[in-house]
Amino acid sequence: MSVKNILCLGDIIGVTGRYAIRRHLEEIKLEHEIDFVIANGENAANGIGITRDTAAELFNSGVNVLTSGNHIWNNRDVFALIGSENRLLRPYNFPSEAPGLGYYIYDIFDCKIGVINLMGRTFMDALDCPFKKSNLAIKHIREKTNIIFIDFHAEATAEKIAFSYYLEGQVSCIFGTHTHVQTADEKILSSYTAYISDIGMCGSYTSVIGMKKEAAIARFVSKIPHRFEVETDSPMINGIIVQVDTDSGRALSIKRINTVYYNDEVERIDR
């Protein structure tokens, strides 16, 4: 039996998340013998959206594919990239008029891995049904490979859990993103699909979902808008490592990563 170790990283938040990836991803890959890296990059540019430069930085740091979600269109620079870069995905259940791809099949050494990006609808934008859209993508991917990973970018835990049971046994792994807070419910479902409600974020440990806490507190207390800024203290990497059988596509194990780098100094200039 041949196995691969797939690393999935939570939402990368601005300069702090990019720094953590650039500084520490290679050591994580070596320590855990990682074969492929998926990361959610929709907040990589100054905490919201993604640009050509920030995407290139993450690819150069060792990320193989970037997924996204509701903030994918927040920086207009993305439109010059997403139509020609198959390593950057947008949610598949956006209208077909949206540029870019919602899923793709990638070559990793002696096998292939399919990655699907979908977005939930509870407390989110009213997109096409992610449950039904997933069936179309899975059908096409399974013609080439049994290894399928899904980034389900969604707010409601109930929607994520229901989605996992809907696709149980059809994919290798379903991991949630969007809330920026790692959950502790990682498991292998009975049909060998790995699942976790949210893999968390790559950003500041001493923040409110990646942003300076003072502005967040002021918003809640005063109900007056305050400008969010990316927090740069105590970079953190959240994610999961999933081991899969390359023949069957079954998940054999799932392990959370939650590491804080307290002594790291993050550059203060963002982009």
C-alpha atoms as a PDB file:
ATOM      1  CA  MET A   1       0.000   0.000   0.000  1.00  0.00           C
ATOM      2  CA  SER A   2       1.293   3.430  -0.970  1.00  0.00           C
ATOM      3  CA  VAL A   3       0.435   6.466   1.177  1.00  0.00           C
ATOM      4  CA  LYS A   4       0.759  10.225   0.827  1.00  0.00           C
ATOM      5  CA  ASN A   5       0.777  12.899   3.519  1.00  0.00           C
ATOM      6  CA  ILE A   6      -1.341  15.914   2.602  1.00  0.00           C
ATOM      7  CA  LEU A   7      -1.057  19.154   4.591  1.00  0.00           C
ATOM      8  CA  CYS A   8      -4.073  21.497   4.660  1.00  0.00           C
ATOM      9  CA  LEU A   9      -3.490  24.977   6.081  1.00  0.00           C
ATOM     10  CA  GLY A  10      -6.117  27.361   7.465  1.00  0.00           C
ATOM     11  CA  ASP A  11      -6.914  30.838   6.137  1.00  0.00           C
ATOM     12  CA  ILE A  12      -3.650  32.758   5.654  1.00  0.00           C
ATOM     13  CA  ILE A  13      -4.118  36.219   7.181  1.00  0.00           C
ATOM     14  CA  GLY A  14      -2.038  39.023   5.702  1.00  0.00           C
ATOM     15  CA  VAL A  15       1.643  39.585   6.353  1.00  0.00           C
ATOM     16  CA  THR A  16       1.627  37.503   9.540  1.00  0.00           C
ATOM     17  CA  GLY A  17       0.232  34.398   7.904  1.00  0.00           C
ATOM     18  CA  ARG A  18       2.499  34.755   4.888  1.00  0.00           C
ATOM     19  CA  TYR A  19       5.519  35.188   7.137  1.00  0.00           C
ATOM     20  CA  ALA A  20       4.633  32.064   9.127  1.00  0.00           C
ATOM     21  CA  ILE A  21       4.329  30.063   5.904  1.00  0.00           C
ATOM     22  CA  ARG A  22       7.510  31.471   4.393  1.00  0.00           C
ATOM     23  CA  ARG A  23       9.499  30.939   7.590  1.00  0.00           C
ATOM     24  CA  HIS A  24       8.170  27.584   8.822  1.00  0.00           C
ATOM     25  CA  LEU A  25       6.423  25.616   6.067  1.00  0.00           C
ATOM     26  CA  GLU A  26       9.568  23.904   4.856  1.00  0.00           C
ATOM     27  CA  GLU A  27      10.448  22.596   8.326  1.00  0.00           C
ATOM     28  CA  ILE A  28       6.880  21.276   8.751  1.00  0.00           C
ATOM     29  CA  LYS A  29       7.081  19.530   5.392  1.00  0.00           C
ATOM     30  CA  LEU A  30      10.373  17.891   6.300  1.00  0.00           C
ATOM     31  CA  GLU A  31       9.291  16.870   9.793  1.00  0.00           C
ATOM     32  CA  HIS A  32       6.056  15.241   8.645  1.00  0.00           C
ATOM     33  CA  GLU A  33       7.193  14.061   5.193  1.00  0.00           C
ATOM     34  CA  ILE A  34       4.539  16.134   3.453  1.00  0.00           C
ATOM     35  CA  ASP A  35       3.850  15.368  -0.197  1.00  0.00           C
ATOM     36  CA  PHE A  36       1.331  18.088  -1.061  1.00  0.00           C
ATOM     37  CA  VAL A  37       0.151  21.370   0.498  1.00  0.00           C
ATOM     38  CA  ILE A  38      -3.303  22.964   0.209  1.00  0.00           C
ATOM     39  CA  ALA A  39      -3.881  26.370   1.826  1.00  0.00           C
ATOM     40  CA  ASN A  40      -6.762  28.822   1.903  1.00  0.00           C
ATOM     41  CA  GLY A  41      -5.345  32.106   0.610  1.00  0.00           C
ATOM     42  CA  GLU A  42      -8.347  34.406   0.281  1.00  0.00           C
ATOM     43  CA  ASN A  43      -7.108  36.727   3.065  1.00  0.00           C
ATOM     44  CA  ALA A  44      -3.423  36.731   2.143  1.00  0.00           C
ATOM     45  CA  ALA A  45      -3.291  40.363   0.962  1.00  0.00           C
ATOM     46  CA  ASN A  46      -3.519  42.750   3.914  1.00  0.00           C
ATOM     47  CA  GLY A  47      -6.064  40.514   5.611  1.00  0.00           C
ATOM     48  CA  ILE A  48      -8.672  40.452   2.830  1.00  0.00           C
ATOM     49  CA  GLY A  49      -8.401  39.261  -0.760  1.00  0.00           C
ATOM     50  CA  ILE A  50      -5.389  37.959  -2.659  1.00  0.00           C
ATOM     51  CA  THR A  51      -3.040  39.477  -5.252  1.00  0.00           C
ATOM     52  CA  ARG A  52      -0.582  38.191  -7.823  1.00  0.00           C
ATOM     53  CA  ASP A  53       2.349  39.033  -5.556  1.00  0.00           C
ATOM     54  CA  THR A  54       0.938  37.394  -2.437  1.00  0.00           C
ATOM     55  CA  ALA A  55      -0.077  34.285  -4.376  1.00  0.00           C
ATOM     56  CA  ALA A  56       3.411  34.045  -5.899  1.00  0.00           C
ATOM     57  CA  GLU A  57       4.979  34.409  -2.457  1.00  0.00           C
ATOM     58  CA  LEU A  58       2.925  31.504  -1.110  1.00  0.00           C
ATOM     59  CA  PHE A  59       3.632  29.281  -4.106  1.00  0.00           C
ATOM     60  CA  ASN A  60       7.357  30.051  -3.771  1.00  0.00           C
ATOM     61  CA  SER A  61       7.120  29.152  -0.071  1.00  0.00           C
ATOM     62  CA  GLY A  62       5.950  25.626  -0.879  1.00  0.00           C
ATOM     63  CA  VAL A  63       2.147  25.804  -1.166  1.00  0.00           C
ATOM     64  CA  ASN A  64       0.908  23.679  -4.071  1.00  0.00           C
ATOM     65  CA  VAL A  65      -2.654  24.972  -4.387  1.00  0.00           C
ATOM     66  CA  LEU A  66      -4.557  27.930  -2.930  1.00  0.00           C
ATOM     67  CA  THR A  67      -8.268  27.718  -2.223  1.00  0.00           C
ATOM     68  CA  SER A  68     -10.524  30.639  -1.365  1.00  0.00           C
ATOM     69  CA  GLY A  69     -14.034  31.708  -0.394  1.00  0.00           C
ATOM     70  CA  ASN A  70     -16.218  34.775  -0.022  1.00  0.00           C
ATOM     71  CA  HIS A  71     -13.274  37.226  -0.157  1.00  0.00           C
ATOM     72  CA  ILE A  72     -11.802  35.946  -3.417  1.00  0.00           C
ATOM     73  CA  TRP A  73     -12.951  39.016  -5.384  1.00  0.00           C
ATOM     74  CA  ASN A  74     -12.035  41.685  -2.793  1.00  0.00           C
ATOM     75  CA  ASN A  75      -8.840  42.727  -4.589  1.00  0.00           C
ATOM     76  CA  ARG A  76      -9.229  43.491  -8.292  1.00  0.00           C
ATOM     77  CA  ASP A  77      -5.692  42.275  -8.920  1.00  0.00           C
ATOM     78  CA  VAL A  78      -7.009  38.712  -8.660  1.00  0.00           C
ATOM     79  CA  PHE A  79      -8.832  39.021 -11.989  1.00  0.00           C
ATOM     80  CA  ALA A  80      -5.490  39.239 -13.804  1.00  0.00           C
ATOM     81  CA  LEU A  81      -4.421  35.960 -12.185  1.00  0.00           C
ATOM     82  CA  ILE A  82      -7.295  33.595 -11.587  1.00  0.00           C
ATOM     83  CA  GLY A  83      -8.173  32.988 -15.228  1.00  0.00           C
ATOM     84  CA  SER A  84      -4.717  31.635 -16.043  1.00  0.00           C
ATOM     85  CA  GLU A  85      -3.518  30.115 -12.743  1.00  0.00           C
ATOM     86  CA  ASN A  86      -4.924  26.631 -12.067  1.00  0.00           C
ATOM     87  CA  ARG A  87      -3.217  26.576  -8.657  1.00  0.00           C
ATOM     88  CA  LEU A  88      -5.658  29.227  -7.419  1.00  0.00           C
ATOM     89  CA  LEU A  89      -9.239  28.012  -6.991  1.00  0.00           C
ATOM     90  CA  ARG A  90     -12.478  29.865  -6.307  1.00  0.00           C
ATOM     91  CA  PRO A  91     -15.622  28.205  -4.927  1.00  0.00           C
ATOM     92  CA  TYR A  92     -17.084  25.917  -7.577  1.00  0.00           C
ATOM     93  CA  ASN A  93     -20.639  26.944  -6.731  1.00  0.00           C
ATOM     94  CA  PHE A  94     -20.169  30.540  -7.866  1.00  0.00           C
ATOM     95  CA  PRO A  95     -22.117  31.263 -11.083  1.00  0.00           C
ATOM     96  CA  SER A  96     -20.486  29.852 -14.208  1.00  0.00           C
ATOM     97  CA  GLU A  97     -19.802  33.419 -15.396  1.00  0.00           C
ATOM     98  CA  ALA A  98     -17.205  33.830 -12.622  1.00  0.00           C
ATOM     99  CA  PRO A  99     -13.612  33.456 -13.868  1.00  0.00           C
ATOM    100  CA  GLY A 100     -11.327  30.712 -12.666  1.00  0.00           C
ATOM    101  CA  LEU A 101     -11.713  27.086 -11.663  1.00  0.00           C
ATOM    102  CA  GLY A 102     -13.622  25.501  -8.792  1.00  0.00           C
ATOM    103  CA  TYR A 103     -11.716  22.231  -8.881  1.00  0.00           C
ATOM    104  CA  TYR A 104      -8.611  20.797 -10.512  1.00  0.00           C
ATOM    105  CA  ILE A 105      -6.555  17.598 -10.622  1.00  0.00           C
ATOM    106  CA  TYR A 106      -2.891  17.973  -9.654  1.00  0.00           C
ATOM    107  CA  ASP A 107       0.026  15.604 -10.235  1.00  0.00           C
ATOM    108  CA  ILE A 108       1.982  14.615  -7.123  1.00  0.00           C
ATOM    109  CA  PHE A 109       4.867  12.308  -7.940  1.00  0.00           C
ATOM    110  CA  ASP A 110       3.332   8.977  -8.953  1.00  0.00           C
ATOM    111  CA  CYS A 111      -0.348   9.840  -8.409  1.00  0.00           C
ATOM    112  CA  LYS A 112      -2.957  12.559  -8.799  1.00  0.00           C
ATOM    113  CA  ILE A 113      -5.004  14.524  -6.267  1.00  0.00           C
ATOM    114  CA  GLY A 114      -8.273  16.291  -6.956  1.00  0.00           C
ATOM    115  CA  VAL A 115      -8.991  19.463  -4.987  1.00  0.00           C
ATOM    116  CA  ILE A 116     -12.479  20.976  -4.853  1.00  0.00           C
ATOM    117  CA  ASN A 117     -13.342  24.404  -3.446  1.00  0.00           C
ATOM    118  CA  LEU A 118     -16.932  24.991  -2.318  1.00  0.00           C
ATOM    119  CA  MET A 119     -18.726  27.606  -0.234  1.00  0.00           C
ATOM    120  CA  GLY A 120     -21.578  27.161   2.212  1.00  0.00           C
ATOM    121  CA  ARG A 121     -24.848  29.105   2.036  1.00  0.00           C
ATOM    122  CA  THR A 122     -25.914  29.441   5.678  1.00  0.00           C
ATOM    123  CA  PHE A 123     -25.139  33.037   6.781  1.00  0.00           C
ATOM    124  CA  MET A 124     -23.219  33.394   3.505  1.00  0.00           C
ATOM    125  CA  ASP A 125     -23.938  34.583  -0.041  1.00  0.00           C
ATOM    126  CA  ALA A 126     -26.735  32.783  -1.897  1.00  0.00           C
ATOM    127  CA  LEU A 127     -24.736  30.630  -4.303  1.00  0.00           C
ATOM    128  CA  ASP A 128     -25.587  27.388  -6.085  1.00  0.00           C
ATOM    129  CA  CYS A 129     -26.125  24.381  -3.825  1.00  0.00           C
ATOM    130  CA  PRO A 130     -22.700  23.114  -2.703  1.00  0.00           C
ATOM    131  CA  PHE A 131     -24.109  19.629  -2.076  1.00  0.00           C
ATOM    132  CA  LYS A 132     -25.333  19.204  -5.649  1.00  0.00           C
ATOM    133  CA  LYS A 133     -22.337  20.946  -7.204  1.00  0.00           C
ATOM    134  CA  SER A 134     -19.970  18.641  -5.340  1.00  0.00           C
ATOM    135  CA  ASN A 135     -21.497  15.652  -7.126  1.00  0.00           C
ATOM    136  CA  LEU A 136     -20.552  17.064 -10.540  1.00  0.00           C
ATOM    137  CA  ALA A 137     -16.948  17.740  -9.564  1.00  0.00           C
ATOM    138  CA  ILE A 138     -16.502  14.366  -7.866  1.00  0.00           C
ATOM    139  CA  LYS A 139     -17.864  12.518 -10.889  1.00  0.00           C
ATOM    140  CA  HIS A 140     -15.290  14.145 -13.161  1.00  0.00           C
ATOM    141  CA  ILE A 141     -12.364  13.773 -10.769  1.00  0.00           C
ATOM    142  CA  ARG A 142     -12.991  10.107  -9.999  1.00  0.00           C
ATOM    143  CA  GLU A 143     -12.388   9.327 -13.669  1.00  0.00           C
ATOM    144  CA  LYS A 144      -8.728  10.210 -12.992  1.00  0.00           C
ATOM    145  CA  THR A 145      -8.119   9.649  -9.247  1.00  0.00           C
ATOM    146  CA  ASN A 146      -9.665   8.439  -6.004  1.00  0.00           C
ATOM    147  CA  ILE A 147      -7.811  11.043  -3.920  1.00  0.00           C
ATOM    148  CA  ILE A 148     -10.150  14.000  -3.455  1.00  0.00           C
ATOM    149  CA  PHE A 149      -9.863  16.855  -0.935  1.00  0.00           C
ATOM    150  CA  ILE A 150     -12.573  19.474  -0.392  1.00  0.00           C
ATOM    151  CA  ASP A 151     -12.167  22.893   1.197  1.00  0.00           C
ATOM    152  CA  PHE A 152     -15.700  23.694   2.382  1.00  0.00           C
ATOM    153  CA  HIS A 153     -15.614  27.414   3.149  1.00  0.00           C
ATOM    154  CA  ALA A 154     -18.644  27.859   5.379  1.00  0.00           C
ATOM    155  CA  GLU A 155     -19.907  29.602   8.503  1.00  0.00           C
ATOM    156  CA  ALA A 156     -22.324  27.131  10.083  1.00  0.00           C
ATOM    157  CA  THR A 157     -20.923  24.041  11.770  1.00  0.00           C
ATOM    158  CA  ALA A 158     -24.186  22.173  11.166  1.00  0.00           C
ATOM    159  CA  GLU A 159     -23.928  22.762   7.423  1.00  0.00           C
ATOM    160  CA  LYS A 160     -20.342  21.513   7.421  1.00  0.00           C
ATOM    161  CA  ILE A 161     -21.173  18.359   9.383  1.00  0.00           C
ATOM    162  CA  ALA A 162     -24.192  17.609   7.189  1.00  0.00           C
ATOM    163  CA  PHE A 163     -21.994  18.066   4.133  1.00  0.00           C
ATOM    164  CA  SER A 164     -19.466  15.572   5.497  1.00  0.00           C
ATOM    165  CA  TYR A 165     -22.102  12.870   5.943  1.00  0.00           C
ATOM    166  CA  TYR A 166     -23.576  13.650   2.523  1.00  0.00           C
ATOM    167  CA  LEU A 167     -20.221  12.872   0.881  1.00  0.00           C
ATOM    168  CA  GLU A 168     -18.985  10.243   3.337  1.00  0.00           C
ATOM    169  CA  GLY A 169     -17.027   7.579   1.491  1.00  0.00           C
ATOM    170  CA  GLN A 170     -16.911   9.527  -1.775  1.00  0.00           C
ATOM    171  CA  VAL A 171     -13.901  11.732  -0.976  1.00  0.00           C
ATOM    172  CA  SER A 172     -10.687  11.471   1.018  1.00  0.00           C
ATOM    173  CA  CYS A 173     -11.080  14.571   3.162  1.00  0.00           C
ATOM    174  CA  ILE A 174     -13.468  17.438   3.859  1.00  0.00           C
ATOM    175  CA  PHE A 175     -11.990  20.309   5.845  1.00  0.00           C
ATOM    176  CA  GLY A 176     -13.791  23.484   6.846  1.00  0.00           C
ATOM    177  CA  THR A 177     -12.403  26.996   6.553  1.00  0.00           C
ATOM    178  CA  HIS A 178     -13.729  30.561   7.026  1.00  0.00           C
ATOM    179  CA  THR A 179     -14.161  31.004  10.806  1.00  0.00           C
ATOM    180  CA  HIS A 180     -10.381  31.253  11.438  1.00  0.00           C
ATOM    181  CA  VAL A 181     -10.847  29.255  14.671  1.00  0.00           C
ATOM    182  CA  GLN A 182      -9.612  25.670  14.738  1.00  0.00           C
ATOM    183  CA  THR A 183     -12.085  23.087  15.979  1.00  0.00           C
ATOM    184  CA  ALA A 184     -11.216  19.911  17.872  1.00  0.00           C
ATOM    185  CA  ASP A 185     -13.578  17.508  16.082  1.00  0.00           C
ATOM    186  CA  GLU A 186     -11.164  15.905  13.642  1.00  0.00           C
ATOM    187  CA  LYS A 187     -12.125  12.310  12.833  1.00  0.00           C
ATOM    188  CA  ILE A 188     -12.194   9.571  10.243  1.00  0.00           C
ATOM    189  CA  LEU A 189     -15.788   8.826   9.298  1.00  0.00           C
ATOM    190  CA  SER A 190     -16.865   5.201   9.032  1.00  0.00           C
ATOM    191  CA  SER A 191     -16.318   5.173   5.265  1.00  0.00           C
ATOM    192  CA  TYR A 192     -12.745   6.481   5.588  1.00  0.00           C
ATOM    193  CA  THR A 193     -13.374  10.157   4.863  1.00  0.00           C
ATOM    194  CA  ALA A 194     -11.330  12.517   7.072  1.00  0.00           C
ATOM    195  CA  TYR A 195     -13.269  15.460   8.479  1.00  0.00           C
ATOM    196  CA  ILE A 196     -12.822  18.579  10.619  1.00  0.00           C
ATOM    197  CA  SER A 197     -15.243  21.491  10.947  1.00  0.00           C
ATOM    198  CA  ASP A 198     -12.544  24.172  10.678  1.00  0.00           C
ATOM    199  CA  ILE A 199      -8.791  23.960  10.356  1.00  0.00           C
ATOM    200  CA  GLY A 200      -8.258  27.468  11.751  1.00  0.00           C
ATOM    201  CA  MET A 201      -5.907  30.124  10.391  1.00  0.00           C
ATOM    202  CA  CYS A 202      -2.312  31.053   9.766  1.00  0.00           C
ATOM    203  CA  GLY A 203      -2.024  34.455  11.443  1.00  0.00           C
ATOM    204  CA  SER A 204      -1.534  36.058  14.830  1.00  0.00           C
ATOM    205  CA  TYR A 205      -2.291  34.039  17.942  1.00  0.00           C
ATOM    206  CA  THR A 206      -2.908  37.258  19.933  1.00  0.00           C
ATOM    207  CA  SER A 207      -5.591  38.618  17.610  1.00  0.00           C
ATOM    208  CA  VAL A 208      -9.287  38.526  16.849  1.00  0.00           C
ATOM    209  CA  ILE A 209      -9.367  36.135  13.876  1.00  0.00           C
ATOM    210  CA  GLY A 210      -6.126  37.669  12.584  1.00  0.00           C
ATOM    211  CA  MET A 211      -6.871  41.345  13.211  1.00  0.00           C
ATOM    212  CA  LYS A 212      -5.747  43.727  15.957  1.00  0.00           C
ATOM    213  CA  LYS A 213      -8.017  43.141  18.924  1.00  0.00           C
ATOM    214  CA  GLU A 214      -8.436  46.835  19.808  1.00  0.00           C
ATOM    215  CA  ALA A 215     -10.395  47.616  16.638  1.00  0.00           C
ATOM    216  CA  ALA A 216     -12.498  44.495  17.002  1.00  0.00           C
ATOM    217  CA  ILE A 217     -13.374  45.315  20.600  1.00  0.00           C
ATOM    218  CA  ALA A 218     -14.192  48.911  19.682  1.00  0.00           C
ATOM    219  CA  ARG A 219     -16.579  47.745  16.973  1.00  0.00           C
ATOM    220  CA  PHE A 220     -18.474  45.517  19.363  1.00  0.00           C
ATOM    221  CA  VAL A 221     -18.602  48.085  22.168  1.00  0.00           C
ATOM    222  CA  SER A 222     -19.455  51.198  20.140  1.00  0.00           C
ATOM    223  CA  LYS A 223     -21.178  49.696  17.086  1.00  0.00           C
ATOM    224  CA  ILE A 224     -19.158  52.233  15.083  1.00  0.00           C
ATOM    225  CA  PRO A 225     -16.937  51.041  12.203  1.00  0.00           C
ATOM    226  CA  HIS A 226     -13.237  50.889  13.012  1.00  0.00           C
ATOM    227  CA  ARG A 227     -10.538  50.084  10.487  1.00  0.00           C
ATOM    228  CA  PHE A 228      -9.202  46.559  10.838  1.00  0.00           C
ATOM    229  CA  GLU A 229      -5.435  46.013  10.724  1.00  0.00           C
ATOM    230  CA  VAL A 230      -3.581  42.723  10.591  1.00  0.00           C
ATOM    231  CA  GLU A 231      -1.984  41.811  13.928  1.00  0.00           C
ATOM    232  CA  THR A 232       1.702  40.881  13.635  1.00  0.00           C
ATOM    233  CA  ASP A 233       2.463  39.454  17.089  1.00  0.00           C
ATOM    234  CA  SER A 234       2.971  35.724  17.729  1.00  0.00           C
ATOM    235  CA  PRO A 235       2.597  34.114  14.283  1.00  0.00           C
ATOM    236  CA  MET A 236       0.656  30.854  14.318  1.00  0.00           C
ATOM    237  CA  ILE A 237       0.112  27.974  11.903  1.00  0.00           C
ATOM    238  CA  ASN A 238      -3.106  25.964  12.045  1.00  0.00           C
ATOM    239  CA  GLY A 239      -3.926  23.034   9.822  1.00  0.00           C
ATOM    240  CA  ILE A 240      -4.222  19.288   9.479  1.00  0.00           C
ATOM    241  CA  ILE A 241      -2.119  16.456   8.115  1.00  0.00           C
ATOM    242  CA  VAL A 242      -4.093  13.698   6.424  1.00  0.00           C
ATOM    243  CA  GLN A 243      -2.521  10.413   5.392  1.00  0.00           C
ATOM    244  CA  VAL A 244      -4.250   8.773   2.427  1.00  0.00           C
ATOM    245  CA  ASP A 245      -4.010   5.442   0.654  1.00  0.00           C
ATOM    246  CA  THR A 246      -3.181   6.399  -2.929  1.00  0.00           C
ATOM    247  CA  ASP A 247      -4.963   3.397  -4.442  1.00  0.00           C
ATOM    248  CA  SER A 248      -8.328   3.628  -2.689  1.00  0.00           C
ATOM    249  CA  GLY A 249      -8.255   7.300  -1.736  1.00  0.00           C
ATOM    250  CA  ARG A 250      -9.205   6.360   1.821  1.00  0.00           C
ATOM    251  CA  ALA A 251      -8.015   8.540   4.683  1.00  0.00           C
ATOM    252  CA  LEU A 252      -5.910   6.572   7.148  1.00  0.00           C
ATOM    253  CA  SER A 253      -5.299   9.293   9.736  1.00  0.00           C
ATOM    254  CA  ILE A 254      -5.904  12.961  10.478  1.00  0.00           C
ATOM    255  CA  LYS A 255      -3.790  15.090  12.805  1.00  0.00           C
ATOM    256  CA  ARG A 256      -4.209  18.749  13.797  1.00  0.00           C
ATOM    257  CA  ILE A 257      -1.358  21.267  13.721  1.00  0.00           C
ATOM    258  CA  ASN A 258      -1.568  24.236  16.092  1.00  0.00           C
ATOM    259  CA  THR A 259       1.826  25.894  16.554  1.00  0.00           C
ATOM    260  CA  VAL A 260       2.599  29.400  17.820  1.00  0.00           C
ATOM    261  CA  TYR A 261       5.977  31.047  17.150  1.00  0.00           C
ATOM    262  CA  TYR A 262       6.204  33.532  20.016  1.00  0.00           C
ATOM    263  CA  ASN A 263       9.689  34.868  19.338  1.00  0.00           C
ATOM    264  CA  ASP A 264       9.295  35.526  15.624  1.00  0.00           C
ATOM    265  CA  GLU A 265       9.532  39.116  14.410  1.00  0.00           C
ATOM    266  CA  VAL A 266       7.180  39.897  11.545  1.00  0.00           C
ATOM    267  CA  GLU A 267       7.974  42.729   9.141  1.00  0.00           C
ATOM    268  CA  ARG A 268       5.559  45.612   9.573  1.00  0.00           C
ATOM    269  CA  ILE A 269       5.000  46.564   5.932  1.00  0.00           C
ATOM    270  CA  ASP A 270       2.096  44.681   4.391  1.00  0.00           C
ATOM    271  CA  ARG A 271       0.847  44.324   0.837  1.00  0.00           C
END
